[in-house]
Amino acid sequence: MADRYLHLSGTAPGRFLTRRLGLPQPAPLRRWSLETPHLDGPLLHLAAGTPAVTGVAEVLSRVGLPVVGRADRPAAIVLDATGVATAAGLGDVHAALHPVVRSLAPGGRIVALGTVPPPGDHHQAAAQQALEGFVRSLGKEIGRGSTVQLVRIPGGGTAHDAESTLRFLLSPRSAYVSGQVIELTAATHGPAPGPASSPDPVADWSAPLIGRTALVTGAARGIGAAVASVLARDGAQVIALDVPQAHGELERTADRLGATALPLDITAPDAADRISSAAPDGLGILVHNAGITRDRRLANMPAERWTSVIEVNLDSVLRTTDELLKAGAIPRGGRIVATASIAGISGNAGQTNYAAGKAGIIGLVRSLGPRAAVDHGVTVNAVAPGFIETKMTAAVPFFIRAAGRRMNSLSQGGLPVDVAEAVAWFAQPASSAVNGQVLRVCGQSLLGA
């Protein structure tokens, strides 16, 4: 459903009216396309104190933006704050950004680089944690469609493991991601599966998923179809899975993408076996996107509504993931991405079942991620969408829908492609240092942490 307020506020009369009334003024977001693959303008590289991580300048030189030390209208600002180790050192953060933050171009990006302090240094731990509050607050005040993030690089490491993350955050692909903290780990999971003729897994950033097979559940429509589309765009051979009742839509989605349709109820006892049979050479990417809602307040919720939501949204994810990992169906270098929700972080009235299931996904990711990396060489991450413009949200009552759109730092709803771009970043071979993370794709929703 079209956001008429967003359209109105983009007109001259609408801008005048919204300013006079003190109403939100959402800026149209620039998303990735073949015509606009990069932000429009230079990247301003700054430092607060003495950087403690090497290779930042080299990585930034490859992200597609001209890197400068001074600019009147930068499209992006990267602040290296890895060397901030004391409360007094936070003054360098203010000194670096205060003179330039107003000059950031509309729809710009600010990325602060932090680090993970060594155990026992509570002064450095406090200073680095302070960056999180700083970034989240700046994201809420920056305006004009711009976003702010924090990327933590392991102490003593290099910025090279952060390249896929910086490419994502400093591009139109991350248009609906703001106020997020991404903590990287050491990338020790081995090479990702790919064509034998391409030993460098990141040789082609325009098609980073070539040679990988990706399975997406709930792929017939909505977010799942968008995820399947973006993974196919990036070179993956996609298997699109959905319930047999959605066979017609599933076939149309698969035909459009040159994908394989797999009509299957993910809760079936033999679901993992059938998935393995559909991908005999292994799954490089497994995306758990299938989900249902059966909303009612707990006092009015019969047991079957509770059970069906937990079974689809959580239990089937746990069961199929365990079975596929145990069978070796996801080889070393594989990627598992699950779909959580801000409902699992903040809760929603009438959605105790749904919120419980989505919070369970977050628990799965945080627990399994480190173990899967060690035992299987596989990363496990999750996206947590906020208000995304789909057929489901179009059916939400008007005033609730309007509040969902405006109650975030970007003052608008996201699109399914915003979630898909985040999934594709998690899925990249070069994202092996991104593990156990839950990325909110919510425009920095005012709900939740």
Protein backbone atom coordinates (compact mmCIF):
# COMPACT_ATOMS: atom_id res chain seq x y z
CA MET A 1 0.00 0.00 0.00
CA ALA A 2 1.34 3.43 -0.94
CA ASP A 3 2.44 5.73 1.87
CA ARG A 4 0.45 8.84 0.96
CA TYR A 5 1.93 10.89 3.79
CA LEU A 6 5.46 10.20 2.50
CA HIS A 7 4.37 11.41 -0.93
CA LEU A 8 2.62 14.49 0.48
CA SER A 9 5.58 15.52 2.64
CA GLY A 10 7.79 15.42 -0.44
CA THR A 11 5.80 18.14 -2.20
CA ALA A 12 6.33 21.88 -1.63
CA PRO A 13 2.90 22.41 -0.01
CA GLY A 14 3.38 19.26 2.05
CA ARG A 15 6.79 20.38 3.32
CA PHE A 16 5.35 23.76 4.30
CA LEU A 17 2.39 22.18 6.10
CA THR A 18 4.37 19.53 7.97
CA ARG A 19 6.93 22.09 9.13
CA ARG A 20 4.24 24.45 10.39
CA LEU A 21 2.50 21.64 12.27
CA GLY A 22 5.70 20.07 13.60
CA LEU A 23 4.94 16.75 11.90
CA PRO A 24 7.53 14.17 10.80
CA GLN A 25 9.27 14.94 7.51
CA PRO A 26 10.42 11.61 6.05
CA ALA A 27 12.98 11.77 3.28
CA PRO A 28 12.64 9.38 0.32
CA LEU A 29 15.24 6.64 0.74
CA ARG A 30 17.68 5.84 -2.03
CA ARG A 31 17.94 2.09 -2.51
CA TRP A 32 20.33 0.04 -4.62
CA SER A 33 19.77 -0.27 -8.35
CA LEU A 34 21.97 -0.89 -11.36
CA GLU A 35 21.78 2.83 -12.06
CA THR A 36 22.61 3.87 -8.47
CA PRO A 37 24.89 1.19 -6.97
CA HIS A 38 26.78 3.71 -4.81
CA LEU A 39 26.09 6.78 -2.74
CA ASP A 40 26.57 10.05 -4.57
CA GLY A 41 29.59 11.88 -3.16
CA PRO A 42 32.89 11.39 -1.34
CA LEU A 43 33.64 9.47 1.84
CA LEU A 44 35.16 11.50 4.66
CA HIS A 45 37.60 9.42 6.73
CA LEU A 46 38.20 10.75 10.25
CA ALA A 47 39.85 9.44 13.41
CA ALA A 48 39.29 9.98 17.13
CA GLY A 49 42.61 9.48 18.83
CA THR A 50 45.20 7.02 17.54
CA PRO A 51 43.56 4.13 15.62
CA ALA A 52 44.07 0.71 17.17
CA VAL A 53 43.10 -1.30 14.07
CA THR A 54 45.09 -1.49 10.85
CA GLY A 55 43.91 -1.59 7.24
CA VAL A 56 40.97 0.82 7.51
CA ALA A 57 42.18 3.20 4.81
CA GLU A 58 42.93 0.33 2.44
CA VAL A 59 39.45 -1.17 2.87
CA LEU A 60 37.72 2.19 2.48
CA SER A 61 39.56 2.76 -0.79
CA ARG A 62 37.67 -0.24 -2.22
CA VAL A 63 34.08 0.51 -1.18
CA GLY A 64 33.25 2.55 -4.30
CA LEU A 65 33.43 6.10 -2.93
CA PRO A 66 36.33 8.55 -3.30
CA VAL A 67 38.00 8.83 0.11
CA VAL A 68 38.94 12.32 1.26
CA GLY A 69 40.18 13.99 4.42
CA ARG A 70 37.98 17.05 3.94
CA ALA A 71 34.69 17.58 2.08
CA ASP A 72 31.92 20.16 1.97
CA ARG A 73 29.15 17.64 1.26
CA PRO A 74 30.28 14.08 2.04
CA ALA A 75 27.98 11.21 1.19
CA ALA A 76 29.48 9.21 4.06
CA ILE A 77 31.63 9.70 7.13
CA VAL A 78 33.68 6.94 8.71
CA LEU A 79 35.04 7.75 12.16
CA ASP A 80 37.77 5.42 13.41
CA ALA A 81 37.25 5.43 17.17
CA THR A 82 39.04 2.14 17.83
CA GLY A 83 41.70 4.04 19.79
CA VAL A 84 39.26 5.61 22.26
CA ALA A 85 40.23 4.03 25.58
CA THR A 86 39.18 6.56 28.26
CA ALA A 87 36.27 8.80 29.10
CA ALA A 88 38.40 11.80 28.24
CA GLY A 89 39.12 10.24 24.85
CA LEU A 90 35.44 10.54 23.99
CA GLY A 91 36.11 14.23 23.54
CA ASP A 92 37.95 13.31 20.35
CA VAL A 93 34.70 11.80 19.03
CA HIS A 94 32.92 15.09 19.57
CA ALA A 95 35.82 17.08 18.14
CA ALA A 96 35.90 14.98 14.97
CA LEU A 97 32.18 14.92 14.16
CA HIS A 98 30.87 18.19 15.59
CA PRO A 99 32.29 20.38 12.78
CA VAL A 100 31.13 18.13 9.93
CA VAL A 101 27.90 16.41 10.93
CA ARG A 102 25.69 19.17 9.49
CA SER A 103 27.47 18.91 6.14
CA LEU A 104 26.48 15.27 5.57
CA ALA A 105 24.49 14.95 2.35
CA PRO A 106 20.83 13.87 2.58
CA GLY A 107 20.59 10.09 2.69
CA GLY A 108 24.18 9.94 3.93
CA ARG A 109 25.90 7.39 6.11
CA ILE A 110 27.93 7.70 9.31
CA VAL A 111 29.81 4.62 10.49
CA ALA A 112 31.82 4.65 13.70
CA LEU A 113 34.47 1.98 14.13
CA GLY A 114 34.98 0.68 17.63
CA THR A 115 36.75 -2.30 19.12
CA VAL A 116 36.23 -5.08 21.66
CA PRO A 117 38.29 -4.18 24.74
CA PRO A 118 40.46 -6.79 26.46
CA PRO A 119 38.98 -8.32 29.64
CA GLY A 120 39.76 -6.38 32.79
CA ASP A 121 40.16 -2.92 31.28
CA HIS A 122 37.00 -1.30 32.58
CA HIS A 123 38.04 2.18 31.47
CA GLN A 124 38.36 1.13 27.84
CA ALA A 125 35.22 -0.99 28.15
CA ALA A 126 33.29 2.04 29.39
CA ALA A 127 34.63 4.30 26.65
CA GLN A 128 33.85 1.80 23.89
CA GLN A 129 30.39 1.08 25.28
CA ALA A 130 29.77 4.82 25.32
CA LEU A 131 30.07 4.75 21.53
CA GLU A 132 26.91 2.64 21.39
CA GLY A 133 24.80 5.22 23.19
CA PHE A 134 26.37 7.93 21.06
CA VAL A 135 25.58 6.18 17.78
CA ARG A 136 22.00 5.31 18.71
CA SER A 137 21.33 8.89 19.78
CA LEU A 138 22.94 10.44 16.71
CA GLY A 139 20.85 8.14 14.52
CA LYS A 140 17.70 9.59 16.09
CA GLU A 141 18.69 13.19 15.46
CA ILE A 142 20.56 13.06 12.13
CA GLY A 143 17.42 13.26 9.94
CA ARG A 144 17.11 13.68 6.14
CA GLY A 145 17.15 9.95 5.49
CA SER A 146 20.67 9.50 6.86
CA THR A 147 21.77 6.59 9.05
CA VAL A 148 24.37 5.95 11.77
CA GLN A 149 25.97 2.63 12.78
CA LEU A 150 28.73 1.22 14.99
CA VAL A 151 31.00 -1.61 13.84
CA ARG A 152 33.19 -3.27 16.48
CA ILE A 153 36.37 -4.87 15.18
CA PRO A 154 38.18 -7.38 17.42
CA GLY A 155 41.11 -5.90 19.31
CA GLY A 156 44.44 -6.49 17.62
CA GLY A 157 42.70 -7.34 14.34
CA THR A 158 42.58 -5.66 10.97
CA ALA A 159 39.80 -3.97 9.08
CA HIS A 160 39.92 -6.51 6.23
CA ASP A 161 37.35 -8.76 7.90
CA ALA A 162 35.03 -5.73 8.01
CA GLU A 163 35.06 -5.11 4.26
CA SER A 164 31.74 -6.75 3.42
CA THR A 165 30.14 -4.99 6.39
CA LEU A 166 31.47 -1.56 5.39
CA ARG A 167 30.46 -2.10 1.78
CA PHE A 168 26.92 -2.86 2.94
CA LEU A 169 26.61 -0.01 5.44
CA LEU A 170 28.18 2.57 3.11
CA SER A 171 25.86 1.79 0.21
CA PRO A 172 22.20 2.23 -0.77
CA ARG A 173 21.64 -1.41 0.26
CA SER A 174 21.41 -0.39 3.94
CA ALA A 175 18.80 2.35 3.44
CA TYR A 176 16.49 1.12 6.24
CA VAL A 177 19.17 0.11 8.75
CA SER A 178 20.13 2.65 11.41
CA GLY A 179 21.32 2.81 15.02
CA GLN A 180 22.75 -0.70 14.81
CA VAL A 181 25.81 -2.21 16.50
CA ILE A 182 27.62 -4.96 14.62
CA GLU A 183 30.30 -6.87 16.50
CA LEU A 184 32.68 -8.80 14.30
CA THR A 185 34.59 -11.94 15.23
CA ALA A 186 37.80 -13.43 13.90
CA ALA A 187 37.11 -14.82 10.41
CA THR A 188 38.46 -18.34 10.87
CA HIS A 189 35.74 -20.41 9.28
CA GLY A 190 37.51 -21.38 6.08
CA PRO A 191 36.64 -20.64 2.46
CA ALA A 192 33.08 -20.53 1.33
CA PRO A 193 31.83 -23.02 -1.26
CA GLY A 194 32.15 -21.71 -4.77
CA PRO A 195 33.42 -22.56 -8.25
CA ALA A 196 36.83 -24.23 -8.25
CA SER A 197 38.03 -21.67 -10.78
CA SER A 198 37.43 -18.84 -8.28
CA PRO A 199 39.73 -19.36 -5.27
CA ASP A 200 39.15 -15.78 -4.13
CA PRO A 201 35.61 -15.81 -2.65
CA VAL A 202 35.26 -12.03 -3.05
CA ALA A 203 36.74 -11.66 -6.51
CA ASP A 204 33.45 -10.32 -7.91
CA TRP A 205 31.59 -8.01 -5.54
CA SER A 206 28.83 -7.52 -8.11
CA ALA A 207 27.92 -11.21 -7.95
CA PRO A 208 29.35 -12.49 -4.66
CA LEU A 209 27.09 -15.55 -4.44
CA ILE A 210 28.02 -17.23 -7.73
CA GLY A 211 28.50 -20.95 -7.19
CA ARG A 212 26.32 -21.10 -4.08
CA THR A 213 22.97 -22.79 -3.65
CA ALA A 214 20.51 -20.90 -1.45
CA LEU A 215 17.26 -22.21 0.01
CA VAL A 216 14.67 -19.66 1.16
CA THR A 217 11.61 -20.76 3.12
CA GLY A 218 8.37 -18.81 2.83
CA ALA A 219 9.53 -17.68 -0.61
CA ALA A 220 6.22 -17.45 -2.47
CA ARG A 221 5.51 -13.83 -1.60
CA GLY A 222 6.45 -10.82 0.49
CA ILE A 223 9.79 -10.72 2.24
CA GLY A 224 10.64 -14.29 1.25
CA ALA A 225 10.16 -13.58 -2.45
CA ALA A 226 12.30 -10.43 -2.11
CA VAL A 227 15.06 -12.42 -0.38
CA ALA A 228 15.00 -15.05 -3.12
CA SER A 229 15.15 -12.29 -5.76
CA VAL A 230 18.15 -10.50 -4.23
CA LEU A 231 20.08 -13.74 -3.67
CA ALA A 232 19.46 -14.68 -7.30
CA ARG A 233 20.54 -11.20 -8.39
CA ASP A 234 23.80 -11.72 -6.50
CA GLY A 235 24.48 -14.97 -8.33
CA ALA A 236 23.02 -17.72 -6.15
CA GLN A 237 21.10 -20.68 -7.48
CA VAL A 238 17.90 -20.41 -5.46
CA ILE A 239 15.55 -23.08 -4.18
CA ALA A 240 12.27 -21.40 -3.26
CA LEU A 241 10.29 -23.28 -0.59
CA ASP A 242 6.76 -22.67 0.58
CA VAL A 243 3.71 -24.64 1.67
CA PRO A 244 1.91 -26.67 -1.00
CA GLN A 245 -1.14 -24.40 -0.64
CA ALA A 246 0.95 -21.55 -2.11
CA HIS A 247 2.09 -23.65 -5.07
CA GLY A 248 0.81 -21.25 -7.74
CA GLU A 249 2.55 -18.17 -6.32
CA LEU A 250 5.65 -20.22 -5.56
CA GLU A 251 5.92 -21.41 -9.16
CA ARG A 252 5.52 -17.88 -10.47
CA THR A 253 8.26 -16.58 -8.15
CA ALA A 254 10.58 -19.44 -9.08
CA ASP A 255 9.97 -19.01 -12.81
CA ARG A 256 10.69 -15.30 -12.60
CA LEU A 257 14.03 -15.93 -10.88
CA GLY A 258 15.12 -19.06 -12.74
CA ALA A 259 14.86 -20.81 -9.38
CA THR A 260 13.64 -24.24 -8.32
CA ALA A 261 10.26 -24.44 -6.59
CA LEU A 262 10.00 -26.78 -3.61
CA PRO A 263 6.41 -27.08 -2.30
CA LEU A 264 6.92 -28.32 1.25
CA ASP A 265 5.50 -27.75 4.71
CA ILE A 266 8.56 -26.85 6.75
CA THR A 267 6.96 -28.48 9.81
CA ALA A 268 6.84 -31.89 8.11
CA PRO A 269 8.88 -34.59 9.91
CA ASP A 270 10.89 -35.29 6.75
CA ALA A 271 11.45 -31.61 5.83
CA ALA A 272 15.22 -31.72 6.37
CA ASP A 273 15.56 -34.89 4.29
CA ARG A 274 13.60 -33.40 1.41
CA ILE A 275 15.64 -30.19 1.57
CA SER A 276 18.85 -32.23 1.43
CA SER A 277 17.52 -34.14 -1.57
CA ALA A 278 16.72 -30.88 -3.35
CA ALA A 279 20.33 -29.71 -2.86
CA PRO A 280 22.46 -32.85 -3.31
CA ASP A 281 25.67 -30.80 -3.54
CA GLY A 282 24.94 -28.98 -0.28
CA LEU A 283 23.39 -25.68 0.74
CA GLY A 284 25.72 -22.72 0.83
CA ILE A 285 22.93 -20.53 2.21
CA LEU A 286 19.90 -21.47 4.32
CA VAL A 287 17.36 -18.70 4.95
CA HIS A 288 14.63 -19.42 7.49
CA ASN A 289 11.96 -16.92 6.53
CA ALA A 290 8.69 -18.88 6.79
CA GLY A 291 6.41 -17.58 9.52
CA ILE A 292 2.78 -17.20 10.49
CA THR A 293 0.71 -15.06 12.86
CA ARG A 294 -2.31 -16.15 14.89
CA ASP A 295 -2.93 -13.05 16.95
CA ARG A 296 -5.06 -12.86 20.09
CA ARG A 297 -4.53 -11.73 23.63
CA LEU A 298 -3.31 -14.56 25.82
CA ALA A 299 -6.57 -14.75 27.77
CA ASN A 300 -8.44 -15.40 24.52
CA MET A 301 -5.84 -17.57 22.78
CA PRO A 302 -6.68 -21.26 22.41
CA ALA A 303 -3.82 -23.75 22.59
CA GLU A 304 -3.85 -24.51 18.86
CA ARG A 305 -3.11 -20.87 18.02
CA TRP A 306 -0.14 -20.88 20.38
CA THR A 307 1.17 -24.25 19.20
CA SER A 308 0.90 -23.58 15.46
CA VAL A 309 2.89 -20.34 15.66
CA ILE A 310 5.65 -21.82 17.84
CA GLU A 311 5.84 -24.88 15.57
CA VAL A 312 6.26 -22.89 12.34
CA ASN A 313 8.21 -19.89 13.57
CA LEU A 314 10.62 -21.57 15.98
CA ASP A 315 10.47 -25.34 16.40
CA SER A 316 10.74 -26.12 12.69
CA VAL A 317 13.74 -23.77 12.45
CA LEU A 318 15.49 -25.50 15.34
CA ARG A 319 14.73 -28.99 14.05
CA THR A 320 15.68 -28.52 10.40
CA THR A 321 18.81 -26.56 11.27
CA ASP A 322 20.01 -29.28 13.66
CA GLU A 323 19.30 -32.05 11.17
CA LEU A 324 20.91 -30.29 8.21
CA LEU A 325 24.06 -29.46 10.19
CA LYS A 326 24.29 -33.00 11.56
CA ALA A 327 23.93 -34.45 8.06
CA GLY A 328 26.64 -32.15 6.67
CA ALA A 329 24.15 -30.66 4.23
CA ILE A 330 25.53 -27.17 4.96
CA PRO A 331 29.26 -27.35 4.15
CA ARG A 332 32.04 -25.28 5.69
CA GLY A 333 31.70 -21.64 4.75
CA GLY A 334 27.92 -21.96 4.73
CA ARG A 335 25.54 -19.32 5.98
CA ILE A 336 22.36 -19.68 8.04
CA VAL A 337 20.12 -16.61 8.27
CA ALA A 338 16.87 -16.62 10.26
CA THR A 339 14.09 -14.07 10.44
CA ALA A 340 13.38 -12.67 13.89
CA SER A 341 11.30 -9.52 14.48
CA ILE A 342 11.31 -6.42 16.64
CA ALA A 343 8.22 -8.04 18.18
CA GLY A 344 10.63 -10.55 19.70
CA ILE A 345 12.64 -7.66 21.17
CA SER A 346 9.96 -5.23 22.29
CA GLY A 347 6.84 -7.40 22.43
CA ASN A 348 3.42 -6.67 20.93
CA ALA A 349 0.00 -6.82 22.55
CA GLY A 350 -1.95 -9.72 21.12
CA GLN A 351 1.22 -11.45 19.89
CA THR A 352 2.57 -13.39 22.85
CA ASN A 353 2.93 -16.48 20.65
CA TYR A 354 4.59 -14.63 17.77
CA ALA A 355 6.91 -12.60 20.03
CA ALA A 356 7.92 -15.73 21.93
CA GLY A 357 8.82 -17.51 18.71
CA LYS A 358 10.80 -14.59 17.31
CA ALA A 359 12.64 -14.05 20.62
CA GLY A 360 13.47 -17.75 20.47
CA ILE A 361 15.12 -17.16 17.07
CA ILE A 362 17.37 -14.57 18.71
CA GLY A 363 18.31 -17.09 21.39
CA LEU A 364 19.09 -19.67 18.69
CA VAL A 365 21.39 -17.29 16.84
CA ARG A 366 23.32 -16.17 19.91
CA SER A 367 23.82 -19.70 21.18
CA LEU A 368 24.38 -21.62 17.94
CA GLY A 369 26.46 -19.02 16.11
CA PRO A 370 29.75 -19.51 18.01
CA ARG A 371 29.36 -23.31 18.19
CA ALA A 372 28.40 -23.69 14.53
CA ALA A 373 31.48 -21.69 13.53
CA VAL A 374 33.78 -23.98 15.50
CA ASP A 375 32.08 -27.30 14.78
CA HIS A 376 30.89 -26.76 11.20
CA GLY A 377 32.55 -23.62 9.83
CA VAL A 378 29.08 -22.09 9.39
CA THR A 379 27.84 -18.67 10.51
CA VAL A 380 24.38 -18.09 12.01
CA ASN A 381 22.74 -14.64 12.01
CA ALA A 382 19.27 -13.11 12.01
CA VAL A 383 17.42 -10.13 10.62
CA ALA A 384 14.76 -8.51 12.81
CA PRO A 385 12.38 -6.55 10.56
CA GLY A 386 10.33 -3.67 11.87
CA PHE A 387 7.36 -2.18 9.99
CA ILE A 388 7.78 -3.48 6.43
CA GLU A 389 5.29 -2.62 3.68
CA THR A 390 3.71 -5.97 2.79
CA LYS A 391 0.20 -7.31 2.19
CA MET A 392 0.13 -8.29 5.86
CA THR A 393 0.84 -4.77 7.13
CA ALA A 394 -1.54 -3.32 4.55
CA ALA A 395 -4.32 -5.15 6.41
CA VAL A 396 -3.40 -3.50 9.72
CA PRO A 397 -5.94 -0.88 10.91
CA PHE A 398 -5.18 2.61 9.57
CA PHE A 399 -4.06 4.34 12.77
CA ILE A 400 -1.86 1.43 13.87
CA ARG A 401 -0.34 1.31 10.39
CA ALA A 402 0.31 5.05 10.44
CA ALA A 403 2.01 4.79 13.84
CA GLY A 404 4.14 1.87 12.67
CA ARG A 405 5.38 3.89 9.72
CA ARG A 406 6.25 7.02 11.71
CA MET A 407 7.64 5.54 14.93
CA ASN A 408 11.21 5.23 13.73
CA SER A 409 14.11 7.54 12.99
CA LEU A 410 13.35 7.54 9.25
CA SER A 411 9.60 8.19 9.77
CA GLN A 412 8.50 5.61 7.20
CA GLY A 413 7.98 1.92 6.65
CA GLY A 414 10.61 -0.26 5.07
CA LEU A 415 10.31 -2.42 1.97
CA PRO A 416 10.82 -6.18 1.64
CA VAL A 417 13.99 -5.49 -0.36
CA ASP A 418 15.50 -3.79 2.70
CA VAL A 419 15.32 -7.07 4.61
CA ALA A 420 16.56 -8.96 1.57
CA GLU A 421 19.65 -6.78 1.21
CA ALA A 422 20.59 -7.49 4.83
CA VAL A 423 20.15 -11.24 4.29
CA ALA A 424 22.33 -11.07 1.17
CA TRP A 425 25.08 -9.31 3.16
CA PHE A 426 24.98 -12.03 5.84
CA ALA A 427 25.13 -14.63 3.05
CA GLN A 428 28.28 -13.33 1.37
CA PRO A 429 31.46 -15.43 1.50
CA ALA A 430 33.30 -12.34 2.74
CA SER A 431 30.98 -12.05 5.77
CA SER A 432 32.58 -14.88 7.73
CA ALA A 433 33.47 -12.44 10.54
CA VAL A 434 29.77 -11.62 10.99
CA ASN A 435 28.38 -14.30 13.29
CA GLY A 436 25.80 -14.50 16.06
CA GLN A 437 24.41 -11.09 15.10
CA VAL A 438 20.80 -9.89 15.11
CA LEU A 439 20.39 -6.94 12.75
CA ARG A 440 17.28 -4.83 13.13
CA VAL A 441 15.96 -3.67 9.76
CA CYS A 442 13.52 -1.21 11.22
CA GLY A 443 14.67 2.35 10.47
CA GLN A 444 15.73 2.51 14.14
CA SER A 445 12.27 1.85 15.51
CA LEU A 446 11.39 3.64 18.71
CA LEU A 447 10.14 0.30 20.06
CA GLY A 448 12.55 -2.07 21.77
CA ALA A 449 16.23 -1.80 22.60
